Amino acid sequence: MLSLLVLAKGFTLTLSMIMPIGTQNSMLINQGISQNHHKMTAALFVLYDALLISMGVLGGSILLSHNPMLFNLLTWGGILFLTVYGSLSMKSAIVKSKNTTDTVLKKKSAKIVFLTSLAVTFLNPHAYIDTVMVIGSVGGQYADEGKIYFLVGCIFGSLTWFTCLALGAAKLSKQLSKPKVKMIIDIIIALVMWLVAWSLFNTWLTR
């Protein structure tokens, strides 16, 4: 019974961390709308989360919180990437605002999707804070068997969310890919990316 409670805690904690819109969710929504390697993207994000959470549970949270150079590198890399990513989304929105007819969304190669998935995950310090530091710190409190159940719950939570998001966006792709709707989505994504970049900058200032 206790093992099921630990598993459930990992599941719910992970969902609470990854459900708010962020870089991974934004990319996956776009891939789902265009039906462009969205299942592969979801699988990659689950794998990345599993790696980061495992690293946190095994002690990576201590390393990250006590290494100022690593923190600065991740923070400024994230600020730069998120600013550029947001600018590209805003540029896409501006282009769509000038085109009110339905268009065929451009497909990206699997290689480009893979490289972008790496960037939106590992160049985003919030990913480390959420998975390595927060989730990892909670999981690190359990004994050996408890850690296994906790990790399984976390991975299942990540799998559930990213699968639902990818399939949901793909199922609604006809409605969501209309230029006006896609323009609004791109604007929201751009604003979210810039807000995250700004929050990273404020975190860096106050550290």
N, C-alpha and C. Protein backbone atom coordinates (compact mmCIF):
# COMPACT_ATOMS: atom_id res chain seq x y z
N MET A 1 0.84 -1.22 0.00
CA MET A 1 0.00 0.00 0.00
C MET A 1 0.87 1.26 0.00
N LEU A 2 1.94 1.22 0.81
CA LEU A 2 2.84 2.37 0.89
C LEU A 2 3.52 2.62 -0.45
N SER A 3 3.88 1.53 -1.15
CA SER A 3 4.55 1.67 -2.44
C SER A 3 3.63 2.34 -3.46
N LEU A 4 2.34 2.04 -3.39
CA LEU A 4 1.38 2.67 -4.32
C LEU A 4 1.23 4.16 -4.02
N LEU A 5 1.30 4.52 -2.75
CA LEU A 5 1.22 5.93 -2.38
C LEU A 5 2.44 6.69 -2.87
N VAL A 6 3.61 6.06 -2.78
CA VAL A 6 4.85 6.69 -3.27
C VAL A 6 4.78 6.85 -4.78
N LEU A 7 4.29 5.80 -5.47
CA LEU A 7 4.14 5.86 -6.93
C LEU A 7 3.19 6.98 -7.32
N ALA A 8 2.07 7.08 -6.60
CA ALA A 8 1.08 8.13 -6.88
C ALA A 8 1.64 9.52 -6.63
N LYS A 9 2.49 9.63 -5.60
CA LYS A 9 3.11 10.92 -5.31
C LYS A 9 4.03 11.35 -6.45
N GLY A 10 4.81 10.40 -6.97
CA GLY A 10 5.68 10.71 -8.10
C GLY A 10 4.88 11.11 -9.33
N PHE A 11 3.77 10.41 -9.55
CA PHE A 11 2.91 10.69 -10.70
C PHE A 11 2.31 12.09 -10.62
N THR A 12 1.70 12.41 -9.49
CA THR A 12 1.02 13.71 -9.33
C THR A 12 2.02 14.88 -9.27
N LEU A 13 3.16 14.66 -8.62
CA LEU A 13 4.16 15.72 -8.53
C LEU A 13 4.70 16.07 -9.92
N THR A 14 4.98 15.04 -10.70
CA THR A 14 5.49 15.26 -12.06
C THR A 14 4.47 15.98 -12.92
N LEU A 15 3.21 15.57 -12.84
CA LEU A 15 2.16 16.25 -13.61
C LEU A 15 2.07 17.73 -13.23
N SER A 16 2.16 18.03 -11.94
CA SER A 16 2.06 19.42 -11.49
C SER A 16 3.22 20.26 -11.98
N MET A 17 4.38 19.63 -12.21
CA MET A 17 5.55 20.35 -12.69
C MET A 17 5.52 20.60 -14.19
N ILE A 18 5.02 19.63 -14.98
CA ILE A 18 5.14 19.73 -16.43
C ILE A 18 3.87 20.22 -17.13
N MET A 19 2.72 20.22 -16.43
CA MET A 19 1.48 20.63 -17.10
C MET A 19 1.43 22.12 -17.47
N PRO A 20 1.94 23.04 -16.63
CA PRO A 20 1.95 24.45 -17.04
C PRO A 20 2.73 24.61 -18.34
N ILE A 21 2.23 25.45 -19.24
CA ILE A 21 2.85 25.59 -20.55
C ILE A 21 4.29 26.09 -20.41
N GLY A 22 5.17 25.42 -21.13
CA GLY A 22 6.59 25.78 -21.12
C GLY A 22 7.20 25.44 -22.46
N THR A 23 8.51 25.34 -22.52
CA THR A 23 9.17 25.12 -23.80
C THR A 23 8.84 23.77 -24.41
N GLN A 24 8.86 22.72 -23.59
CA GLN A 24 8.55 21.39 -24.12
C GLN A 24 7.10 21.32 -24.60
N ASN A 25 6.17 21.79 -23.77
CA ASN A 25 4.76 21.77 -24.16
C ASN A 25 4.50 22.58 -25.42
N SER A 26 5.15 23.74 -25.51
CA SER A 26 4.95 24.60 -26.68
C SER A 26 5.42 23.91 -27.95
N MET A 27 6.60 23.29 -27.89
CA MET A 27 7.11 22.59 -29.06
C MET A 27 6.22 21.42 -29.44
N LEU A 28 5.78 20.66 -28.43
CA LEU A 28 4.96 19.48 -28.70
C LEU A 28 3.61 19.87 -29.29
N ILE A 29 3.04 20.98 -28.84
CA ILE A 29 1.78 21.46 -29.42
C ILE A 29 1.97 21.77 -30.89
N ASN A 30 3.06 22.46 -31.23
CA ASN A 30 3.34 22.79 -32.63
C ASN A 30 3.55 21.54 -33.47
N GLN A 31 4.30 20.57 -32.92
CA GLN A 31 4.54 19.33 -33.67
C GLN A 31 3.24 18.55 -33.85
N GLY A 32 2.38 18.57 -32.84
CA GLY A 32 1.11 17.88 -32.95
C GLY A 32 0.18 18.52 -33.96
N ILE A 33 0.14 19.86 -33.96
CA ILE A 33 -0.71 20.58 -34.91
C ILE A 33 -0.30 20.26 -36.35
N SER A 34 1.00 20.23 -36.59
CA SER A 34 1.50 19.94 -37.95
C SER A 34 1.60 18.44 -38.21
N GLN A 35 1.32 17.62 -37.18
CA GLN A 35 1.45 16.17 -37.26
C GLN A 35 2.82 15.79 -37.82
N ASN A 36 3.82 16.41 -37.23
CA ASN A 36 5.20 16.29 -37.71
C ASN A 36 6.08 15.68 -36.60
N HIS A 37 6.23 14.36 -36.65
CA HIS A 37 7.05 13.64 -35.66
C HIS A 37 6.61 13.94 -34.23
N HIS A 38 5.31 14.14 -34.02
CA HIS A 38 4.84 14.49 -32.68
C HIS A 38 4.95 13.33 -31.70
N LYS A 39 4.75 12.10 -32.18
CA LYS A 39 4.90 10.95 -31.29
C LYS A 39 6.36 10.76 -30.88
N MET A 40 7.27 10.96 -31.83
CA MET A 40 8.69 10.87 -31.52
C MET A 40 9.09 11.95 -30.52
N THR A 41 8.57 13.16 -30.71
CA THR A 41 8.87 14.26 -29.80
C THR A 41 8.39 13.95 -28.39
N ALA A 42 7.18 13.42 -28.27
CA ALA A 42 6.64 13.07 -26.96
C ALA A 42 7.51 12.00 -26.29
N ALA A 43 7.92 11.01 -27.06
CA ALA A 43 8.76 9.94 -26.52
C ALA A 43 10.11 10.49 -26.04
N LEU A 44 10.68 11.41 -26.81
CA LEU A 44 11.96 12.01 -26.42
C LEU A 44 11.83 12.79 -25.13
N PHE A 45 10.73 13.55 -24.99
CA PHE A 45 10.53 14.34 -23.78
C PHE A 45 10.37 13.44 -22.55
N VAL A 46 9.69 12.31 -22.73
CA VAL A 46 9.55 11.35 -21.62
C VAL A 46 10.93 10.81 -21.24
N LEU A 47 11.75 10.49 -22.24
CA LEU A 47 13.10 9.99 -21.99
C LEU A 47 13.95 11.03 -21.27
N TYR A 48 13.88 12.28 -21.74
CA TYR A 48 14.67 13.35 -21.12
C TYR A 48 14.25 13.54 -19.66
N ASP A 49 12.95 13.54 -19.42
CA ASP A 49 12.45 13.71 -18.05
C ASP A 49 12.94 12.57 -17.15
N ALA A 50 12.89 11.35 -17.70
CA ALA A 50 13.34 10.20 -16.92
C ALA A 50 14.81 10.34 -16.54
N LEU A 51 15.62 10.81 -17.47
CA LEU A 51 17.05 10.99 -17.21
C LEU A 51 17.29 12.08 -16.16
N LEU A 52 16.61 13.21 -16.32
CA LEU A 52 16.80 14.34 -15.41
C LEU A 52 16.28 14.01 -14.00
N ILE A 53 15.13 13.38 -13.93
CA ILE A 53 14.57 13.03 -12.61
C ILE A 53 15.47 12.00 -11.91
N SER A 54 15.94 11.02 -12.67
CA SER A 54 16.84 10.01 -12.10
C SER A 54 18.11 10.66 -11.58
N MET A 55 18.63 11.61 -12.34
CA MET A 55 19.83 12.32 -11.92
C MET A 55 19.58 13.08 -10.62
N GLY A 56 18.40 13.69 -10.51
CA GLY A 56 18.06 14.43 -9.30
C GLY A 56 17.92 13.54 -8.09
N VAL A 57 17.24 12.41 -8.27
CA VAL A 57 17.02 11.48 -7.17
C VAL A 57 18.34 10.90 -6.67
N LEU A 58 19.30 10.74 -7.60
CA LEU A 58 20.59 10.16 -7.24
C LEU A 58 21.60 11.18 -6.73
N GLY A 59 21.16 12.44 -6.55
CA GLY A 59 22.03 13.43 -5.93
C GLY A 59 22.41 14.61 -6.80
N GLY A 60 21.89 14.66 -8.02
CA GLY A 60 22.23 15.77 -8.92
C GLY A 60 21.71 17.10 -8.44
N SER A 61 20.66 17.10 -7.64
CA SER A 61 20.09 18.35 -7.14
C SER A 61 21.10 19.10 -6.28
N ILE A 62 21.91 18.36 -5.52
CA ILE A 62 22.93 18.99 -4.67
C ILE A 62 24.02 19.62 -5.53
N LEU A 63 24.45 18.90 -6.57
CA LEU A 63 25.49 19.41 -7.46
C LEU A 63 25.05 20.69 -8.14
N LEU A 64 23.82 20.71 -8.66
CA LEU A 64 23.33 21.87 -9.40
C LEU A 64 23.18 23.09 -8.50
N SER A 65 22.67 22.89 -7.30
CA SER A 65 22.43 24.03 -6.40
C SER A 65 23.71 24.60 -5.81
N HIS A 66 24.82 23.85 -5.85
CA HIS A 66 26.07 24.32 -5.25
C HIS A 66 27.16 24.60 -6.28
N ASN A 67 26.78 24.75 -7.54
CA ASN A 67 27.76 25.02 -8.59
C ASN A 67 27.37 26.31 -9.32
N PRO A 68 27.86 27.47 -8.87
CA PRO A 68 27.48 28.76 -9.46
C PRO A 68 27.83 28.86 -10.95
N MET A 69 28.98 28.31 -11.35
CA MET A 69 29.39 28.40 -12.75
C MET A 69 28.41 27.64 -13.65
N LEU A 70 28.02 26.45 -13.22
CA LEU A 70 27.05 25.66 -13.98
C LEU A 70 25.71 26.37 -14.03
N PHE A 71 25.31 26.94 -12.90
CA PHE A 71 24.04 27.68 -12.84
C PHE A 71 24.05 28.85 -13.81
N ASN A 72 25.14 29.64 -13.82
CA ASN A 72 25.24 30.80 -14.71
C ASN A 72 25.22 30.37 -16.18
N LEU A 73 25.93 29.29 -16.49
CA LEU A 73 25.99 28.80 -17.86
C LEU A 73 24.61 28.38 -18.35
N LEU A 74 23.91 27.63 -17.52
CA LEU A 74 22.56 27.17 -17.89
C LEU A 74 21.59 28.34 -18.00
N THR A 75 21.70 29.29 -17.06
CA THR A 75 20.78 30.41 -17.05
C THR A 75 20.92 31.28 -18.29
N TRP A 76 22.14 31.68 -18.63
CA TRP A 76 22.33 32.57 -19.78
C TRP A 76 22.13 31.84 -21.11
N GLY A 77 22.47 30.56 -21.14
CA GLY A 77 22.15 29.77 -22.33
C GLY A 77 20.65 29.70 -22.53
N GLY A 78 19.92 29.51 -21.43
CA GLY A 78 18.47 29.45 -21.49
C GLY A 78 17.85 30.77 -21.90
N ILE A 79 18.35 31.88 -21.34
CA ILE A 79 17.83 33.21 -21.68
C ILE A 79 17.99 33.48 -23.18
N LEU A 80 19.18 33.17 -23.71
CA LEU A 80 19.44 33.40 -25.13
C LEU A 80 18.53 32.54 -26.00
N PHE A 81 18.45 31.26 -25.67
CA PHE A 81 17.65 30.35 -26.48
C PHE A 81 16.17 30.73 -26.45
N LEU A 82 15.65 31.00 -25.25
CA LEU A 82 14.22 31.32 -25.11
C LEU A 82 13.87 32.63 -25.81
N THR A 83 14.78 33.60 -25.78
CA THR A 83 14.55 34.87 -26.47
C THR A 83 14.46 34.66 -27.97
N VAL A 84 15.38 33.87 -28.51
CA VAL A 84 15.37 33.58 -29.95
C VAL A 84 14.14 32.76 -30.33
N TYR A 85 13.84 31.74 -29.52
CA TYR A 85 12.68 30.87 -29.78
C TYR A 85 11.39 31.69 -29.77
N GLY A 86 11.27 32.59 -28.81
CA GLY A 86 10.09 33.45 -28.74
C GLY A 86 10.00 34.38 -29.93
N SER A 87 11.14 34.91 -30.36
CA SER A 87 11.17 35.82 -31.52
C SER A 87 10.74 35.10 -32.79
N LEU A 88 11.17 33.85 -32.96
CA LEU A 88 10.77 33.08 -34.13
C LEU A 88 9.27 32.79 -34.12
N SER A 89 8.73 32.53 -32.93
CA SER A 89 7.28 32.30 -32.82
C SER A 89 6.50 33.57 -33.14
N MET A 90 6.99 34.71 -32.66
CA MET A 90 6.33 35.98 -32.96
C MET A 90 6.42 36.31 -34.44
N LYS A 91 7.57 36.03 -35.05
CA LYS A 91 7.73 36.24 -36.49
C LYS A 91 6.74 35.39 -37.27
N SER A 92 6.57 34.13 -36.83
CA SER A 92 5.61 33.24 -37.46
C SER A 92 4.19 33.77 -37.33
N ALA A 93 3.87 34.35 -36.17
CA ALA A 93 2.54 34.91 -35.94
C ALA A 93 2.29 36.11 -36.86
N ILE A 94 3.30 36.95 -37.04
CA ILE A 94 3.17 38.13 -37.90
C ILE A 94 2.93 37.71 -39.34
N VAL A 95 3.65 36.67 -39.78
CA VAL A 95 3.47 36.17 -41.14
C VAL A 95 2.05 35.64 -41.33
N LYS A 96 1.55 34.91 -40.33
CA LYS A 96 0.20 34.34 -40.43
C LYS A 96 -0.88 35.41 -40.37
N SER A 97 -0.58 36.55 -39.70
CA SER A 97 -1.57 37.62 -39.63
C SER A 97 -1.81 38.26 -41.00
N LYS A 98 -0.86 38.09 -41.90
CA LYS A 98 -0.99 38.64 -43.25
C LYS A 98 -1.58 37.63 -44.23
N ASN A 99 -1.85 36.42 -43.71
CA ASN A 99 -2.38 35.37 -44.56
C ASN A 99 -3.61 34.77 -43.89
N THR A 100 -4.77 35.05 -44.38
CA THR A 100 -6.02 34.61 -43.75
C THR A 100 -6.57 33.32 -44.37
N THR A 101 -5.85 32.75 -45.32
CA THR A 101 -6.31 31.50 -45.94
C THR A 101 -5.58 30.33 -45.31
N ASP A 102 -6.22 29.14 -45.38
CA ASP A 102 -5.59 27.95 -44.82
C ASP A 102 -4.32 27.63 -45.60
N THR A 103 -3.27 27.28 -44.90
CA THR A 103 -2.01 26.93 -45.54
C THR A 103 -1.54 25.57 -45.05
N VAL A 104 -0.70 24.94 -45.84
CA VAL A 104 -0.11 23.67 -45.46
C VAL A 104 1.11 23.97 -44.60
N LEU A 105 1.11 23.43 -43.37
CA LEU A 105 2.21 23.68 -42.46
C LEU A 105 3.47 22.98 -42.94
N LYS A 106 4.60 23.67 -42.86
CA LYS A 106 5.86 23.09 -43.28
C LYS A 106 6.30 22.02 -42.31
N LYS A 107 6.78 20.92 -42.86
CA LYS A 107 7.25 19.81 -42.04
C LYS A 107 8.76 19.94 -41.80
N LYS A 108 9.16 19.61 -40.59
CA LYS A 108 10.58 19.60 -40.26
C LYS A 108 11.09 18.17 -40.30
N SER A 109 12.37 18.03 -40.64
CA SER A 109 12.96 16.69 -40.68
C SER A 109 13.08 16.13 -39.27
N ALA A 110 13.19 14.81 -39.17
CA ALA A 110 13.34 14.17 -37.87
C ALA A 110 14.58 14.67 -37.15
N LYS A 111 15.64 14.94 -37.91
CA LYS A 111 16.89 15.43 -37.32
C LYS A 111 16.70 16.80 -36.68
N ILE A 112 16.01 17.69 -37.39
CA ILE A 112 15.76 19.04 -36.86
C ILE A 112 14.87 18.97 -35.62
N VAL A 113 13.85 18.13 -35.68
CA VAL A 113 12.95 17.97 -34.53
C VAL A 113 13.73 17.44 -33.33
N PHE A 114 14.60 16.46 -33.57
CA PHE A 114 15.41 15.88 -32.49
C PHE A 114 16.32 16.91 -31.87
N LEU A 115 17.04 17.68 -32.69
CA LEU A 115 17.96 18.70 -32.18
C LEU A 115 17.21 19.80 -31.42
N THR A 116 16.04 20.17 -31.95
CA THR A 116 15.24 21.19 -31.26
C THR A 116 14.73 20.68 -29.92
N SER A 117 14.36 19.41 -29.86
CA SER A 117 13.89 18.83 -28.60
C SER A 117 14.99 18.84 -27.56
N LEU A 118 16.22 18.60 -27.98
CA LEU A 118 17.37 18.67 -27.06
C LEU A 118 17.54 20.09 -26.53
N ALA A 119 17.42 21.06 -27.44
CA ALA A 119 17.63 22.46 -27.06
C ALA A 119 16.56 22.95 -26.10
N VAL A 120 15.28 22.67 -26.39
CA VAL A 120 14.20 23.19 -25.54
C VAL A 120 14.20 22.54 -24.17
N THR A 121 14.85 21.37 -24.06
CA THR A 121 14.93 20.69 -22.76
C THR A 121 16.18 21.09 -22.00
N PHE A 122 17.33 20.87 -22.61
CA PHE A 122 18.60 20.99 -21.87
C PHE A 122 19.18 22.40 -21.86
N LEU A 123 18.61 23.32 -22.65
CA LEU A 123 19.03 24.72 -22.57
C LEU A 123 18.03 25.54 -21.75
N ASN A 124 17.10 24.86 -21.10
CA ASN A 124 16.10 25.54 -20.28
C ASN A 124 16.36 25.22 -18.80
N PRO A 125 16.94 26.15 -18.06
CA PRO A 125 17.23 25.90 -16.64
C PRO A 125 16.01 25.50 -15.82
N HIS A 126 14.81 25.93 -16.23
CA HIS A 126 13.61 25.55 -15.49
C HIS A 126 13.40 24.04 -15.52
N ALA A 127 13.87 23.40 -16.60
CA ALA A 127 13.75 21.94 -16.67
C ALA A 127 14.57 21.30 -15.56
N TYR A 128 15.75 21.85 -15.29
CA TYR A 128 16.60 21.31 -14.23
C TYR A 128 16.02 21.62 -12.85
N ILE A 129 15.47 22.82 -12.73
CA ILE A 129 14.88 23.20 -11.44
C ILE A 129 13.68 22.30 -11.12
N ASP A 130 12.81 22.09 -12.11
CA ASP A 130 11.60 21.29 -11.89
C ASP A 130 11.91 19.82 -11.67
N THR A 131 12.76 19.25 -12.53
CA THR A 131 13.01 17.81 -12.48
C THR A 131 14.14 17.43 -11.52
N VAL A 132 15.31 18.03 -11.75
CA VAL A 132 16.48 17.63 -10.94
C VAL A 132 16.34 18.11 -9.50
N MET A 133 16.02 19.41 -9.32
CA MET A 133 16.04 19.98 -7.97
C MET A 133 14.76 19.70 -7.18
N VAL A 134 13.59 19.98 -7.77
CA VAL A 134 12.34 19.81 -7.02
C VAL A 134 11.94 18.34 -6.92
N ILE A 135 11.70 17.72 -8.08
CA ILE A 135 11.26 16.31 -8.07
C ILE A 135 12.38 15.42 -7.52
N GLY A 136 13.62 15.71 -7.94
CA GLY A 136 14.74 14.90 -7.48
C GLY A 136 14.94 14.98 -5.98
N SER A 137 14.76 16.15 -5.41
CA SER A 137 14.92 16.30 -3.96
C SER A 137 13.86 15.51 -3.20
N VAL A 138 12.63 15.51 -3.71
CA VAL A 138 11.56 14.74 -3.06
C VAL A 138 11.87 13.24 -3.15
N GLY A 139 12.25 12.79 -4.34
CA GLY A 139 12.55 11.38 -4.54
C GLY A 139 13.76 10.92 -3.75
N GLY A 140 14.71 11.83 -3.53
CA GLY A 140 15.91 11.48 -2.80
C GLY A 140 15.66 11.19 -1.33
N GLN A 141 14.49 11.51 -0.84
CA GLN A 141 14.16 11.27 0.57
C GLN A 141 13.76 9.82 0.83
N TYR A 142 13.48 9.06 -0.22
CA TYR A 142 13.03 7.68 -0.04
C TYR A 142 14.20 6.71 -0.02
N ALA A 143 13.96 5.54 0.57
CA ALA A 143 14.96 4.48 0.57
C ALA A 143 15.01 3.85 -0.82
N ASP A 144 15.88 2.87 -1.00
CA ASP A 144 16.14 2.29 -2.32
C ASP A 144 14.87 1.84 -3.05
N GLU A 145 14.04 1.03 -2.40
CA GLU A 145 12.83 0.53 -3.04
C GLU A 145 11.83 1.67 -3.27
N GLY A 146 11.77 2.59 -2.32
CA GLY A 146 10.87 3.72 -2.47
C GLY A 146 11.25 4.60 -3.65
N LYS A 147 12.56 4.75 -3.88
CA LYS A 147 13.02 5.55 -5.02
C LYS A 147 12.56 4.95 -6.34
N ILE A 148 12.58 3.62 -6.42
CA ILE A 148 12.15 2.95 -7.65
C ILE A 148 10.68 3.23 -7.93
N TYR A 149 9.84 3.07 -6.92
CA TYR A 149 8.41 3.34 -7.09
C TYR A 149 8.17 4.80 -7.44
N PHE A 150 8.91 5.69 -6.80
CA PHE A 150 8.77 7.12 -7.06
C PHE A 150 9.14 7.43 -8.51
N LEU A 151 10.25 6.87 -8.98
CA LEU A 151 10.70 7.09 -10.36
C LEU A 151 9.68 6.55 -11.36
N VAL A 152 9.14 5.38 -11.08
CA VAL A 152 8.13 4.80 -11.97
C VAL A 152 6.91 5.72 -12.05
N GLY A 153 6.49 6.24 -10.91
CA GLY A 153 5.36 7.17 -10.89
C GLY A 153 5.65 8.43 -11.68
N CYS A 154 6.87 8.95 -11.53
CA CYS A 154 7.27 10.17 -12.27
C CYS A 154 7.27 9.93 -13.77
N ILE A 155 7.86 8.83 -14.18
CA ILE A 155 7.95 8.51 -15.61
C ILE A 155 6.56 8.28 -16.20
N PHE A 156 5.70 7.61 -15.43
CA PHE A 156 4.34 7.37 -15.90
C PHE A 156 3.57 8.69 -16.03
N GLY A 157 3.82 9.61 -15.10
CA GLY A 157 3.18 10.92 -15.17
C GLY A 157 3.62 11.69 -16.41
N SER A 158 4.92 11.66 -16.68
CA SER A 158 5.47 12.31 -17.88
C SER A 158 4.92 11.66 -19.14
N LEU A 159 4.89 10.32 -19.16
CA LEU A 159 4.37 9.58 -20.32
C LEU A 159 2.91 9.92 -20.58
N THR A 160 2.12 9.97 -19.53
CA THR A 160 0.69 10.27 -19.65
C THR A 160 0.45 11.66 -20.23
N TRP A 161 1.15 12.65 -19.67
CA TRP A 161 0.93 14.03 -20.10
C TRP A 161 1.37 14.26 -21.54
N PHE A 162 2.60 13.89 -21.86
CA PHE A 162 3.12 14.17 -23.20
C PHE A 162 2.39 13.38 -24.28
N THR A 163 1.95 12.17 -23.95
CA THR A 163 1.18 11.39 -24.92
C THR A 163 -0.17 12.05 -25.20
N CYS A 164 -0.85 12.44 -24.14
CA CYS A 164 -2.16 13.10 -24.29
C CYS A 164 -2.02 14.42 -25.05
N LEU A 165 -0.97 15.17 -24.75
CA LEU A 165 -0.78 16.47 -25.41
C LEU A 165 -0.49 16.29 -26.89
N ALA A 166 0.39 15.34 -27.22
CA ALA A 166 0.75 15.11 -28.62
C ALA A 166 -0.45 14.61 -29.43
N LEU A 167 -1.15 13.62 -28.90
CA LEU A 167 -2.30 13.06 -29.62
C LEU A 167 -3.46 14.04 -29.68
N GLY A 168 -3.64 14.82 -28.60
CA GLY A 168 -4.71 15.80 -28.59
C GLY A 168 -4.50 16.90 -29.61
N ALA A 169 -3.25 17.42 -29.67
CA ALA A 169 -2.93 18.47 -30.65
C ALA A 169 -3.08 17.94 -32.07
N ALA A 170 -2.66 16.69 -32.29
CA ALA A 170 -2.78 16.09 -33.62
C ALA A 170 -4.24 15.90 -34.02
N LYS A 171 -5.06 15.46 -33.06
CA LYS A 171 -6.48 15.22 -33.34
C LYS A 171 -7.20 16.52 -33.69
N LEU A 172 -6.78 17.62 -33.06
CA LEU A 172 -7.41 18.92 -33.31
C LEU A 172 -6.63 19.76 -34.32
N SER A 173 -5.71 19.12 -35.04
CA SER A 173 -4.80 19.85 -35.93
C SER A 173 -5.54 20.66 -37.00
N LYS A 174 -6.66 20.13 -37.50
CA LYS A 174 -7.40 20.84 -38.55
C LYS A 174 -7.92 22.16 -38.05
N GLN A 175 -8.42 22.17 -36.81
CA GLN A 175 -8.94 23.40 -36.23
C GLN A 175 -7.80 24.33 -35.77
N LEU A 176 -6.79 23.74 -35.15
CA LEU A 176 -5.69 24.54 -34.60
C LEU A 176 -4.74 25.08 -35.64
N SER A 177 -4.73 24.46 -36.84
CA SER A 177 -3.80 24.90 -37.88
C SER A 177 -4.35 26.04 -38.74
N LYS A 178 -5.59 26.45 -38.50
CA LYS A 178 -6.12 27.60 -39.24
C LYS A 178 -5.27 28.82 -38.93
N PRO A 179 -4.95 29.63 -39.93
CA PRO A 179 -4.00 30.74 -39.75
C PRO A 179 -4.28 31.63 -38.54
N LYS A 180 -5.54 32.03 -38.33
CA LYS A 180 -5.84 32.92 -37.20
C LYS A 180 -5.62 32.23 -35.85
N VAL A 181 -6.03 30.95 -35.77
CA VAL A 181 -5.84 30.20 -34.53
C VAL A 181 -4.36 29.97 -34.28
N LYS A 182 -3.65 29.55 -35.33
CA LYS A 182 -2.22 29.29 -35.19
C LYS A 182 -1.46 30.57 -34.85
N MET A 183 -1.93 31.69 -35.36
CA MET A 183 -1.31 32.98 -35.05
C MET A 183 -1.42 33.26 -33.55
N ILE A 184 -2.60 33.03 -32.99
CA ILE A 184 -2.81 33.25 -31.55
C ILE A 184 -1.92 32.32 -30.73
N ILE A 185 -1.83 31.05 -31.16
CA ILE A 185 -0.99 30.08 -30.46
C ILE A 185 0.47 30.52 -30.49
N ASP A 186 0.93 30.98 -31.66
CA ASP A 186 2.32 31.44 -31.79
C ASP A 186 2.59 32.65 -30.91
N ILE A 187 1.63 33.57 -30.82
CA ILE A 187 1.80 34.75 -29.96
C ILE A 187 1.90 34.33 -28.50
N ILE A 188 1.01 33.41 -28.08
CA ILE A 188 1.05 32.92 -26.69
C ILE A 188 2.38 32.25 -26.39
N ILE A 189 2.84 31.42 -27.33
CA ILE A 189 4.12 30.73 -27.14
C ILE A 189 5.26 31.74 -27.03
N ALA A 190 5.25 32.76 -27.90
CA ALA A 190 6.30 33.78 -27.85
C ALA A 190 6.31 34.50 -26.50
N LEU A 191 5.12 34.88 -26.04
CA LEU A 191 5.02 35.59 -24.75
C LEU A 191 5.49 34.71 -23.60
N VAL A 192 5.12 33.42 -23.65
CA VAL A 192 5.55 32.49 -22.60
C VAL A 192 7.07 32.35 -22.59
N MET A 193 7.66 32.20 -23.78
CA MET A 193 9.11 32.06 -23.86
C MET A 193 9.82 33.30 -23.31
N TRP A 194 9.30 34.48 -23.64
CA TRP A 194 9.92 35.72 -23.15
C TRP A 194 9.72 35.88 -21.65
N LEU A 195 8.57 35.47 -21.14
CA LEU A 195 8.32 35.53 -19.69
C LEU A 195 9.25 34.60 -18.93
N VAL A 196 9.46 33.40 -19.48
CA VAL A 196 10.38 32.46 -18.85
C VAL A 196 11.80 33.01 -18.86
N ALA A 197 12.20 33.60 -20.01
CA ALA A 197 13.53 34.21 -20.11
C ALA A 197 13.69 35.34 -19.09
N TRP A 198 12.65 36.14 -18.93
CA TRP A 198 12.69 37.26 -17.96
C TRP A 198 12.79 36.72 -16.53
N SER A 199 12.05 35.65 -16.24
CA SER A 199 12.10 35.08 -14.90
C SER A 199 13.49 34.49 -14.62
N LEU A 200 14.12 33.92 -15.65
CA LEU A 200 15.48 33.40 -15.48
C LEU A 200 16.45 34.54 -15.17
N PHE A 201 16.27 35.66 -15.87
CA PHE A 201 17.14 36.82 -15.64
C PHE A 201 16.97 37.34 -14.22
N ASN A 202 15.73 37.42 -13.76
CA ASN A 202 15.47 37.89 -12.39
C ASN A 202 16.05 36.92 -11.36
N THR A 203 15.96 35.62 -11.66
CA THR A 203 16.54 34.62 -10.76
C THR A 203 18.05 34.80 -10.67
N TRP A 204 18.67 35.06 -11.82
CA TRP A 204 20.13 35.26 -11.87
C TRP A 204 20.52 36.50 -11.07
N LEU A 205 19.70 37.56 -11.17
CA LEU A 205 20.01 38.81 -10.45
C LEU A 205 19.95 38.62 -8.93
N THR A 206 19.02 37.81 -8.49
CA THR A 206 18.80 37.68 -7.05
C THR A 206 19.60 36.53 -6.42
N ARG A 207 20.31 35.76 -7.22
CA ARG A 207 21.05 34.61 -6.69
C ARG A 207 22.27 35.07 -5.88
